[in-house]
Amino acid sequence: MKVWKVVGLAGLVGVAATGVVIARGERKRRAYTPEEVRDRLKARVKEAANA
């Protein structure tokens, strides 16, 4: 029975850590201004055309 409790706790910790990583990425993504997004997209299109 103890093994299942440890496994369950480890699963919860993993889910929480994943949520933190996703939230951090979302905050970083939302910090871009529309001009920055446009410039980054244009740069990626140029890179893709040159490849």
N, C-alpha and C. Protein backbone atom coordinates (compact mmCIF):
# COMPACT_ATOMS: atom_id res chain seq x y z
N MET A 1 0.82 -1.19 0.00
CA MET A 1 0.00 0.00 0.00
C MET A 1 0.86 1.26 0.00
N LYS A 2 1.99 1.24 0.72
CA LYS A 2 2.86 2.40 0.77
C LYS A 2 3.42 2.76 -0.61
N VAL A 3 3.71 1.74 -1.41
CA VAL A 3 4.27 1.97 -2.75
C VAL A 3 3.30 2.78 -3.58
N TRP A 4 2.01 2.46 -3.51
CA TRP A 4 1.02 3.18 -4.31
C TRP A 4 0.88 4.62 -3.86
N LYS A 5 1.04 4.87 -2.56
CA LYS A 5 0.99 6.25 -2.07
C LYS A 5 2.16 7.05 -2.61
N VAL A 6 3.34 6.45 -2.63
CA VAL A 6 4.53 7.12 -3.15
C VAL A 6 4.38 7.39 -4.65
N VAL A 7 3.86 6.40 -5.37
CA VAL A 7 3.66 6.56 -6.81
C VAL A 7 2.64 7.67 -7.07
N GLY A 8 1.57 7.70 -6.31
CA GLY A 8 0.55 8.74 -6.46
C GLY A 8 1.10 10.11 -6.16
N LEU A 9 1.89 10.22 -5.11
CA LEU A 9 2.49 11.50 -4.75
C LEU A 9 3.46 11.96 -5.82
N ALA A 10 4.24 11.03 -6.36
CA ALA A 10 5.17 11.38 -7.43
C ALA A 10 4.41 11.86 -8.67
N GLY A 11 3.28 11.25 -8.96
CA GLY A 11 2.45 11.68 -10.08
C GLY A 11 1.93 13.08 -9.89
N LEU A 12 1.47 13.38 -8.68
CA LEU A 12 0.98 14.74 -8.40
C LEU A 12 2.09 15.78 -8.52
N VAL A 13 3.26 15.45 -8.04
CA VAL A 13 4.39 16.36 -8.16
C VAL A 13 4.74 16.59 -9.63
N GLY A 14 4.69 15.56 -10.43
CA GLY A 14 4.96 15.69 -11.86
C GLY A 14 3.95 16.58 -12.55
N VAL A 15 2.69 16.42 -12.22
CA VAL A 15 1.63 17.25 -12.82
C VAL A 15 1.82 18.70 -12.41
N ALA A 16 2.13 18.95 -11.16
CA ALA A 16 2.34 20.32 -10.70
C ALA A 16 3.54 20.96 -11.39
N ALA A 17 4.62 20.21 -11.54
CA ALA A 17 5.81 20.74 -12.20
C ALA A 17 5.53 21.06 -13.66
N THR A 18 4.76 20.22 -14.32
CA THR A 18 4.40 20.47 -15.71
C THR A 18 3.56 21.73 -15.82
N GLY A 19 2.65 21.93 -14.91
CA GLY A 19 1.83 23.15 -14.90
C GLY A 19 2.66 24.39 -14.72
N VAL A 20 3.66 24.33 -13.87
CA VAL A 20 4.55 25.48 -13.66
C VAL A 20 5.30 25.81 -14.94
N VAL A 21 5.81 24.80 -15.61
CA VAL A 21 6.56 25.02 -16.85
C VAL A 21 5.66 25.63 -17.92
N ILE A 22 4.46 25.13 -18.05
CA ILE A 22 3.51 25.65 -19.05
C ILE A 22 3.14 27.10 -18.72
N ALA A 23 2.87 27.39 -17.47
CA ALA A 23 2.51 28.76 -17.07
C ALA A 23 3.65 29.73 -17.33
N ARG A 24 4.87 29.31 -17.06
CA ARG A 24 6.04 30.18 -17.30
C ARG A 24 6.19 30.47 -18.79
N GLY A 25 6.02 29.47 -19.63
CA GLY A 25 6.10 29.67 -21.07
C GLY A 25 5.00 30.57 -21.58
N GLU A 26 3.83 30.44 -21.03
CA GLU A 26 2.69 31.27 -21.45
C GLU A 26 2.94 32.73 -21.09
N ARG A 27 3.45 32.99 -19.90
CA ARG A 27 3.76 34.37 -19.51
C ARG A 27 4.81 34.96 -20.42
N LYS A 28 5.80 34.17 -20.76
CA LYS A 28 6.87 34.64 -21.64
C LYS A 28 6.31 34.95 -23.04
N ARG A 29 5.43 34.09 -23.52
CA ARG A 29 4.85 34.28 -24.85
C ARG A 29 3.98 35.52 -24.90
N ARG A 30 3.22 35.78 -23.87
CA ARG A 30 2.32 36.93 -23.85
C ARG A 30 3.05 38.25 -23.67
N ALA A 31 4.31 38.21 -23.32
CA ALA A 31 5.08 39.43 -23.09
C ALA A 31 5.48 40.12 -24.39
N TYR A 32 5.34 39.43 -25.54
CA TYR A 32 5.72 40.02 -26.82
C TYR A 32 4.70 41.06 -27.26
N THR A 33 5.19 42.14 -27.84
CA THR A 33 4.29 43.12 -28.44
C THR A 33 3.91 42.61 -29.83
N PRO A 34 2.83 43.13 -30.40
CA PRO A 34 2.45 42.68 -31.75
C PRO A 34 3.55 42.93 -32.79
N GLU A 35 4.29 44.01 -32.64
CA GLU A 35 5.38 44.29 -33.58
C GLU A 35 6.48 43.25 -33.47
N GLU A 36 6.79 42.83 -32.24
CA GLU A 36 7.81 41.80 -32.04
C GLU A 36 7.37 40.47 -32.65
N VAL A 37 6.11 40.15 -32.47
CA VAL A 37 5.60 38.90 -33.04
C VAL A 37 5.70 38.95 -34.56
N ARG A 38 5.30 40.06 -35.15
CA ARG A 38 5.35 40.22 -36.60
C ARG A 38 6.79 40.10 -37.11
N ASP A 39 7.72 40.76 -36.43
CA ASP A 39 9.12 40.70 -36.84
C ASP A 39 9.67 39.28 -36.74
N ARG A 40 9.31 38.57 -35.66
CA ARG A 40 9.79 37.20 -35.50
C ARG A 40 9.23 36.28 -36.57
N LEU A 41 7.95 36.47 -36.90
CA LEU A 41 7.34 35.64 -37.95
C LEU A 41 7.99 35.91 -39.30
N LYS A 42 8.25 37.17 -39.60
CA LYS A 42 8.91 37.51 -40.87
C LYS A 42 10.30 36.88 -40.94
N ALA A 43 11.02 36.90 -39.83
CA ALA A 43 12.36 36.31 -39.80
C ALA A 43 12.28 34.80 -40.01
N ARG A 44 11.28 34.15 -39.41
CA ARG A 44 11.14 32.70 -39.58
C ARG A 44 10.77 32.34 -41.02
N VAL A 45 9.96 33.19 -41.66
CA VAL A 45 9.59 32.93 -43.06
C VAL A 45 10.82 33.05 -43.94
N LYS A 46 11.66 34.06 -43.69
CA LYS A 46 12.89 34.23 -44.46
C LYS A 46 13.81 33.02 -44.29
N GLU A 47 13.94 32.55 -43.04
CA GLU A 47 14.78 31.39 -42.76
C GLU A 47 14.25 30.16 -43.49
N ALA A 48 12.95 29.98 -43.48
CA ALA A 48 12.36 28.82 -44.14
C ALA A 48 12.53 28.90 -45.65
N ALA A 49 12.47 30.10 -46.21
CA ALA A 49 12.63 30.26 -47.65
C ALA A 49 14.07 29.99 -48.08
N ASN A 50 15.03 30.31 -47.21
CA ASN A 50 16.44 30.11 -47.52
C ASN A 50 16.88 28.66 -47.32
N ALA A 51 16.12 27.89 -46.56
CA ALA A 51 16.51 26.50 -46.26
C ALA A 51 16.17 25.56 -47.38
